[in-house]
Amino acid sequence: MAEAAPKTGWSRSGMISGREGKPCDWRRWMSDNVAYALWVYTSLQIFMTVAVLKGPGGSILPYLGLALLVGAVLPGFSALEKRWERLSCDEAANPALEPAFRRDRRLIWTLAIGLPFVLTLLLKVLDALI
């Protein structure tokens, strides 16, 4: 009789299991979240900048918003990801790190979704004042 494939998904402890039944590697999951969040942030920031550029006025401030992507957001996300990359193999599979992982994941996604709107609003206010 053929052996059934191991299940993947959340276990009782909340740990994510891989196809081989091995515990999740928090480093890989954080790296994936950072990569997707940067994609979302970049897309939203470009969309918001294009919307501002189509509006009245010919300010250079929207371009400043795009420059902030490279100057502040990428290094910030990279620093957060590096905290997880420094974990040893044993630490990376520790289920006790799940609350820290969830906290950092919430922070990443809040920044990725919220920053483009906040930054665009800030730049519009600055543009109105100048």
N, C-alpha and C. Protein backbone atom coordinates (compact mmCIF):
# COMPACT_ATOMS: atom_id res chain seq x y z
N MET A 1 0.84 -1.16 0.00
CA MET A 1 0.00 0.00 0.00
C MET A 1 0.90 1.24 0.00
N ALA A 2 0.55 2.20 -0.84
CA ALA A 2 1.34 3.42 -0.95
C ALA A 2 1.14 4.28 0.29
N GLU A 3 2.24 4.90 0.69
CA GLU A 3 2.19 5.78 1.87
C GLU A 3 1.59 7.12 1.48
N ALA A 4 0.71 7.63 2.31
CA ALA A 4 0.06 8.92 2.03
C ALA A 4 1.08 10.05 2.16
N ALA A 5 0.94 11.04 1.31
CA ALA A 5 1.84 12.20 1.37
C ALA A 5 1.57 12.98 2.65
N PRO A 6 2.65 13.47 3.28
CA PRO A 6 2.45 14.25 4.51
C PRO A 6 1.65 15.51 4.22
N LYS A 7 0.86 15.91 5.18
CA LYS A 7 0.06 17.12 5.03
C LYS A 7 0.94 18.35 5.23
N THR A 8 0.56 19.42 4.56
CA THR A 8 1.24 20.68 4.77
C THR A 8 0.24 21.65 5.38
N GLY A 9 0.74 22.66 6.01
CA GLY A 9 -0.14 23.66 6.59
C GLY A 9 0.14 23.87 8.05
N TRP A 10 -0.81 24.43 8.75
CA TRP A 10 -0.63 24.76 10.16
C TRP A 10 -0.83 23.53 11.02
N SER A 11 0.11 23.30 11.91
CA SER A 11 -0.03 22.21 12.86
C SER A 11 -0.70 22.74 14.12
N ARG A 12 -0.91 21.88 15.08
CA ARG A 12 -1.56 22.32 16.32
C ARG A 12 -0.76 23.41 17.02
N SER A 13 0.55 23.35 16.92
CA SER A 13 1.38 24.35 17.59
C SER A 13 1.38 25.68 16.84
N GLY A 14 0.79 25.69 15.62
CA GLY A 14 0.80 26.91 14.83
C GLY A 14 1.97 26.95 13.87
N MET A 15 2.87 26.00 13.99
CA MET A 15 4.05 25.94 13.14
C MET A 15 3.63 25.48 11.74
N ILE A 16 4.25 25.99 10.75
CA ILE A 16 3.96 25.59 9.38
C ILE A 16 4.89 24.44 9.02
N SER A 17 4.32 23.36 8.52
CA SER A 17 5.12 22.21 8.15
C SER A 17 5.35 22.18 6.66
N GLY A 18 6.50 21.71 6.24
CA GLY A 18 6.82 21.57 4.84
C GLY A 18 6.33 20.24 4.30
N ARG A 19 6.63 19.97 3.05
CA ARG A 19 6.18 18.73 2.43
C ARG A 19 6.78 17.49 3.09
N GLU A 20 7.99 17.61 3.61
CA GLU A 20 8.63 16.48 4.25
C GLU A 20 8.24 16.36 5.71
N GLY A 21 7.33 17.19 6.17
CA GLY A 21 6.93 17.17 7.56
C GLY A 21 7.89 17.90 8.47
N LYS A 22 8.89 18.55 7.89
CA LYS A 22 9.86 19.31 8.69
C LYS A 22 9.25 20.65 9.06
N PRO A 23 9.65 21.18 10.21
CA PRO A 23 9.11 22.49 10.60
C PRO A 23 9.55 23.59 9.64
N CYS A 24 8.79 24.62 9.64
CA CYS A 24 9.02 25.77 8.78
C CYS A 24 10.35 26.43 9.10
N ASP A 25 10.93 27.04 8.12
CA ASP A 25 12.14 27.84 8.29
C ASP A 25 11.69 29.30 8.31
N TRP A 26 11.68 29.90 9.50
CA TRP A 26 11.20 31.28 9.64
C TRP A 26 11.99 32.22 8.76
N ARG A 27 13.26 31.92 8.50
CA ARG A 27 14.09 32.79 7.64
C ARG A 27 13.50 32.86 6.24
N ARG A 28 13.14 31.72 5.69
CA ARG A 28 12.59 31.68 4.33
C ARG A 28 11.24 32.39 4.26
N TRP A 29 10.40 32.15 5.27
CA TRP A 29 9.08 32.78 5.27
C TRP A 29 9.19 34.29 5.39
N MET A 30 10.15 34.78 6.19
CA MET A 30 10.31 36.22 6.31
C MET A 30 10.85 36.80 5.01
N SER A 31 11.78 36.11 4.39
CA SER A 31 12.32 36.57 3.11
C SER A 31 11.22 36.66 2.05
N ASP A 32 10.34 35.66 2.02
CA ASP A 32 9.22 35.68 1.07
C ASP A 32 8.29 36.86 1.35
N ASN A 33 7.98 37.09 2.62
CA ASN A 33 7.10 38.21 2.98
C ASN A 33 7.71 39.55 2.60
N VAL A 34 9.00 39.70 2.83
CA VAL A 34 9.68 40.96 2.48
C VAL A 34 9.64 41.16 0.97
N ALA A 35 9.91 40.11 0.21
CA ALA A 35 9.92 40.23 -1.25
C ALA A 35 8.54 40.62 -1.78
N TYR A 36 7.49 39.96 -1.32
CA TYR A 36 6.14 40.29 -1.78
C TYR A 36 5.72 41.69 -1.31
N ALA A 37 6.07 42.03 -0.09
CA ALA A 37 5.71 43.36 0.44
C ALA A 37 6.41 44.46 -0.36
N LEU A 38 7.65 44.25 -0.74
CA LEU A 38 8.35 45.25 -1.55
C LEU A 38 7.71 45.39 -2.92
N TRP A 39 7.25 44.30 -3.47
CA TRP A 39 6.56 44.35 -4.76
C TRP A 39 5.27 45.17 -4.62
N VAL A 40 4.51 44.91 -3.56
CA VAL A 40 3.26 45.64 -3.33
C VAL A 40 3.56 47.12 -3.08
N TYR A 41 4.56 47.40 -2.23
CA TYR A 41 4.91 48.79 -1.93
C TYR A 41 5.30 49.53 -3.21
N THR A 42 6.16 48.93 -4.01
CA THR A 42 6.63 49.57 -5.24
C THR A 42 5.47 49.83 -6.19
N SER A 43 4.60 48.86 -6.34
CA SER A 43 3.45 49.03 -7.24
C SER A 43 2.54 50.16 -6.76
N LEU A 44 2.24 50.16 -5.47
CA LEU A 44 1.39 51.22 -4.93
C LEU A 44 2.06 52.59 -5.05
N GLN A 45 3.36 52.64 -4.77
CA GLN A 45 4.06 53.93 -4.82
C GLN A 45 4.08 54.47 -6.25
N ILE A 46 4.33 53.62 -7.22
CA ILE A 46 4.32 54.07 -8.61
C ILE A 46 2.91 54.52 -9.01
N PHE A 47 1.91 53.74 -8.65
CA PHE A 47 0.52 54.10 -8.96
C PHE A 47 0.16 55.45 -8.35
N MET A 48 0.52 55.66 -7.09
CA MET A 48 0.21 56.91 -6.42
C MET A 48 0.98 58.08 -7.05
N THR A 49 2.23 57.86 -7.41
CA THR A 49 3.04 58.92 -8.02
C THR A 49 2.48 59.30 -9.38
N VAL A 50 2.09 58.32 -10.18
CA VAL A 50 1.51 58.61 -11.49
C VAL A 50 0.21 59.39 -11.33
N ALA A 51 -0.58 59.05 -10.34
CA ALA A 51 -1.83 59.77 -10.09
C ALA A 51 -1.56 61.23 -9.73
N VAL A 52 -0.52 61.48 -8.94
CA VAL A 52 -0.17 62.85 -8.57
C VAL A 52 0.38 63.60 -9.78
N LEU A 53 1.17 62.94 -10.60
CA LEU A 53 1.75 63.59 -11.77
C LEU A 53 0.69 63.99 -12.79
N LYS A 54 -0.42 63.24 -12.85
CA LYS A 54 -1.50 63.57 -13.78
C LYS A 54 -2.30 64.78 -13.31
N GLY A 55 -2.16 65.12 -12.04
CA GLY A 55 -2.90 66.25 -11.47
C GLY A 55 -2.30 67.57 -11.90
N PRO A 56 -2.90 68.67 -11.44
CA PRO A 56 -2.40 70.00 -11.79
C PRO A 56 -1.05 70.28 -11.14
N GLY A 57 -0.28 71.14 -11.79
CA GLY A 57 1.03 71.52 -11.25
C GLY A 57 2.13 70.66 -11.84
N GLY A 58 3.31 71.17 -11.76
CA GLY A 58 4.45 70.45 -12.33
C GLY A 58 5.56 70.31 -11.32
N SER A 59 5.22 69.88 -10.13
CA SER A 59 6.19 69.77 -9.05
C SER A 59 7.10 68.55 -9.23
N ILE A 60 8.29 68.67 -8.69
CA ILE A 60 9.24 67.56 -8.70
C ILE A 60 9.06 66.67 -7.46
N LEU A 61 8.21 67.06 -6.54
CA LEU A 61 8.02 66.32 -5.30
C LEU A 61 7.59 64.86 -5.49
N PRO A 62 6.74 64.54 -6.47
CA PRO A 62 6.40 63.12 -6.64
C PRO A 62 7.63 62.26 -6.96
N TYR A 63 8.58 62.83 -7.65
CA TYR A 63 9.80 62.07 -7.93
C TYR A 63 10.60 61.84 -6.66
N LEU A 64 10.49 62.75 -5.72
CA LEU A 64 11.14 62.58 -4.43
C LEU A 64 10.57 61.35 -3.72
N GLY A 65 9.27 61.14 -3.86
CA GLY A 65 8.63 59.96 -3.28
C GLY A 65 9.20 58.67 -3.84
N LEU A 66 9.46 58.63 -5.12
CA LEU A 66 10.06 57.44 -5.71
C LEU A 66 11.51 57.26 -5.24
N ALA A 67 12.21 58.36 -5.06
CA ALA A 67 13.59 58.28 -4.57
C ALA A 67 13.63 57.74 -3.14
N LEU A 68 12.60 58.07 -2.36
CA LEU A 68 12.54 57.55 -0.99
C LEU A 68 12.43 56.02 -0.96
N LEU A 69 11.87 55.45 -2.01
CA LEU A 69 11.80 53.99 -2.10
C LEU A 69 13.19 53.39 -1.98
N VAL A 70 14.11 53.93 -2.74
CA VAL A 70 15.47 53.41 -2.75
C VAL A 70 16.22 53.85 -1.49
N GLY A 71 16.01 55.10 -1.08
CA GLY A 71 16.78 55.67 0.01
C GLY A 71 16.40 55.22 1.40
N ALA A 72 15.15 54.84 1.62
CA ALA A 72 14.73 54.53 2.98
C ALA A 72 14.03 53.19 3.12
N VAL A 73 13.12 52.88 2.23
CA VAL A 73 12.29 51.70 2.39
C VAL A 73 13.07 50.41 2.14
N LEU A 74 13.81 50.35 1.05
CA LEU A 74 14.56 49.13 0.76
C LEU A 74 15.56 48.78 1.86
N PRO A 75 16.39 49.73 2.32
CA PRO A 75 17.30 49.38 3.42
C PRO A 75 16.57 49.01 4.70
N GLY A 76 15.44 49.64 4.97
CA GLY A 76 14.68 49.30 6.17
C GLY A 76 14.14 47.88 6.13
N PHE A 77 13.56 47.50 5.01
CA PHE A 77 13.06 46.13 4.87
C PHE A 77 14.21 45.13 4.89
N SER A 78 15.31 45.50 4.27
CA SER A 78 16.48 44.62 4.23
C SER A 78 17.03 44.39 5.64
N ALA A 79 17.07 45.43 6.46
CA ALA A 79 17.55 45.29 7.83
C ALA A 79 16.65 44.36 8.63
N LEU A 80 15.35 44.47 8.43
CA LEU A 80 14.41 43.60 9.12
C LEU A 80 14.60 42.15 8.68
N GLU A 81 14.80 41.95 7.39
CA GLU A 81 15.01 40.60 6.88
C GLU A 81 16.31 40.00 7.41
N LYS A 82 17.36 40.82 7.51
CA LYS A 82 18.66 40.32 7.99
C LYS A 82 18.60 39.84 9.43
N ARG A 83 17.70 40.44 10.23
CA ARG A 83 17.54 39.95 11.60
C ARG A 83 17.14 38.49 11.61
N TRP A 84 16.33 38.10 10.65
CA TRP A 84 15.88 36.71 10.58
C TRP A 84 16.91 35.82 9.91
N GLU A 85 17.68 36.36 8.97
CA GLU A 85 18.69 35.57 8.28
C GLU A 85 19.82 35.15 9.21
N ARG A 86 20.03 35.87 10.30
CA ARG A 86 21.11 35.55 11.24
C ARG A 86 20.78 34.35 12.13
N LEU A 87 19.56 33.86 12.05
CA LEU A 87 19.18 32.72 12.88
C LEU A 87 19.91 31.46 12.43
N SER A 88 20.26 30.62 13.39
CA SER A 88 20.84 29.32 13.06
C SER A 88 19.72 28.42 12.55
N CYS A 89 20.08 27.25 12.03
CA CYS A 89 19.07 26.31 11.53
C CYS A 89 18.12 25.88 12.64
N ASP A 90 18.66 25.64 13.84
CA ASP A 90 17.81 25.24 14.96
C ASP A 90 16.88 26.37 15.37
N GLU A 91 17.39 27.59 15.42
CA GLU A 91 16.56 28.74 15.79
C GLU A 91 15.48 29.00 14.75
N ALA A 92 15.82 28.79 13.49
CA ALA A 92 14.88 29.07 12.40
C ALA A 92 13.67 28.14 12.43
N ALA A 93 13.79 27.01 13.11
CA ALA A 93 12.68 26.06 13.20
C ALA A 93 12.01 26.09 14.57
N ASN A 94 12.37 27.05 15.40
CA ASN A 94 11.84 27.14 16.75
C ASN A 94 10.42 27.70 16.74
N PRO A 95 9.43 26.93 17.20
CA PRO A 95 8.06 27.42 17.19
C PRO A 95 7.84 28.61 18.14
N ALA A 96 8.74 28.81 19.08
CA ALA A 96 8.61 29.93 20.01
C ALA A 96 8.81 31.28 19.32
N LEU A 97 9.37 31.27 18.11
CA LEU A 97 9.59 32.52 17.37
C LEU A 97 8.35 32.95 16.58
N GLU A 98 7.30 32.17 16.61
CA GLU A 98 6.11 32.51 15.84
C GLU A 98 5.52 33.88 16.21
N PRO A 99 5.41 34.24 17.50
CA PRO A 99 4.88 35.59 17.81
C PRO A 99 5.75 36.71 17.24
N ALA A 100 7.06 36.55 17.30
CA ALA A 100 7.97 37.57 16.73
C ALA A 100 7.81 37.62 15.21
N PHE A 101 7.66 36.45 14.60
CA PHE A 101 7.47 36.40 13.16
C PHE A 101 6.18 37.11 12.76
N ARG A 102 5.10 36.84 13.48
CA ARG A 102 3.81 37.47 13.17
C ARG A 102 3.89 38.99 13.37
N ARG A 103 4.58 39.43 14.43
CA ARG A 103 4.73 40.86 14.69
C ARG A 103 5.49 41.53 13.54
N ASP A 104 6.61 40.94 13.15
CA ASP A 104 7.41 41.52 12.07
C ASP A 104 6.66 41.48 10.75
N ARG A 105 5.91 40.42 10.51
CA ARG A 105 5.12 40.32 9.28
C ARG A 105 4.05 41.40 9.23
N ARG A 106 3.38 41.65 10.37
CA ARG A 106 2.39 42.74 10.43
C ARG A 106 3.05 44.08 10.16
N LEU A 107 4.23 44.31 10.73
CA LEU A 107 4.94 45.56 10.51
C LEU A 107 5.28 45.75 9.03
N ILE A 108 5.79 44.71 8.41
CA ILE A 108 6.17 44.77 7.00
C ILE A 108 4.97 45.11 6.13
N TRP A 109 3.86 44.43 6.34
CA TRP A 109 2.69 44.65 5.49
C TRP A 109 2.00 45.97 5.79
N THR A 110 2.04 46.42 7.03
CA THR A 110 1.49 47.73 7.36
C THR A 110 2.29 48.82 6.65
N LEU A 111 3.60 48.70 6.68
CA LEU A 111 4.45 49.68 5.99
C LEU A 111 4.27 49.59 4.48
N ALA A 112 4.22 48.38 3.94
CA ALA A 112 4.12 48.21 2.49
C ALA A 112 2.83 48.80 1.94
N ILE A 113 1.76 48.67 2.67
CA ILE A 113 0.47 49.17 2.19
C ILE A 113 0.24 50.62 2.61
N GLY A 114 0.66 50.97 3.80
CA GLY A 114 0.38 52.31 4.31
C GLY A 114 1.32 53.40 3.85
N LEU A 115 2.60 53.09 3.71
CA LEU A 115 3.58 54.12 3.36
C LEU A 115 3.30 54.84 2.04
N PRO A 116 2.91 54.16 0.97
CA PRO A 116 2.63 54.90 -0.26
C PRO A 116 1.55 55.97 -0.09
N PHE A 117 0.51 55.65 0.68
CA PHE A 117 -0.56 56.62 0.90
C PHE A 117 -0.09 57.77 1.78
N VAL A 118 0.61 57.43 2.86
CA VAL A 118 1.12 58.47 3.77
C VAL A 118 2.13 59.36 3.06
N LEU A 119 3.03 58.74 2.31
CA LEU A 119 4.05 59.50 1.60
C LEU A 119 3.43 60.41 0.54
N THR A 120 2.47 59.91 -0.19
CA THR A 120 1.81 60.72 -1.22
C THR A 120 1.05 61.88 -0.58
N LEU A 121 0.36 61.62 0.52
CA LEU A 121 -0.35 62.68 1.21
C LEU A 121 0.63 63.74 1.72
N LEU A 122 1.73 63.31 2.29
CA LEU A 122 2.76 64.24 2.78
C LEU A 122 3.32 65.09 1.65
N LEU A 123 3.60 64.46 0.52
CA LEU A 123 4.14 65.21 -0.62
C LEU A 123 3.12 66.19 -1.19
N LYS A 124 1.84 65.82 -1.19
CA LYS A 124 0.80 66.75 -1.66
C LYS A 124 0.68 67.94 -0.72
N VAL A 125 0.79 67.72 0.57
CA VAL A 125 0.76 68.82 1.54
C VAL A 125 1.96 69.73 1.35
N LEU A 126 3.14 69.13 1.18
CA LEU A 126 4.34 69.94 0.93
C LEU A 126 4.22 70.73 -0.35
N ASP A 127 3.68 70.12 -1.38
CA ASP A 127 3.50 70.80 -2.66
C ASP A 127 2.54 71.98 -2.53
N ALA A 128 1.50 71.81 -1.72
CA ALA A 128 0.52 72.90 -1.53
C ALA A 128 1.14 74.05 -0.74
N LEU A 129 2.05 73.73 0.17
CA LEU A 129 2.69 74.76 0.98
C LEU A 129 3.77 75.52 0.22
N ILE A 130 4.37 74.89 -0.74
CA ILE A 130 5.50 75.51 -1.47
C ILE A 130 5.01 76.33 -2.63
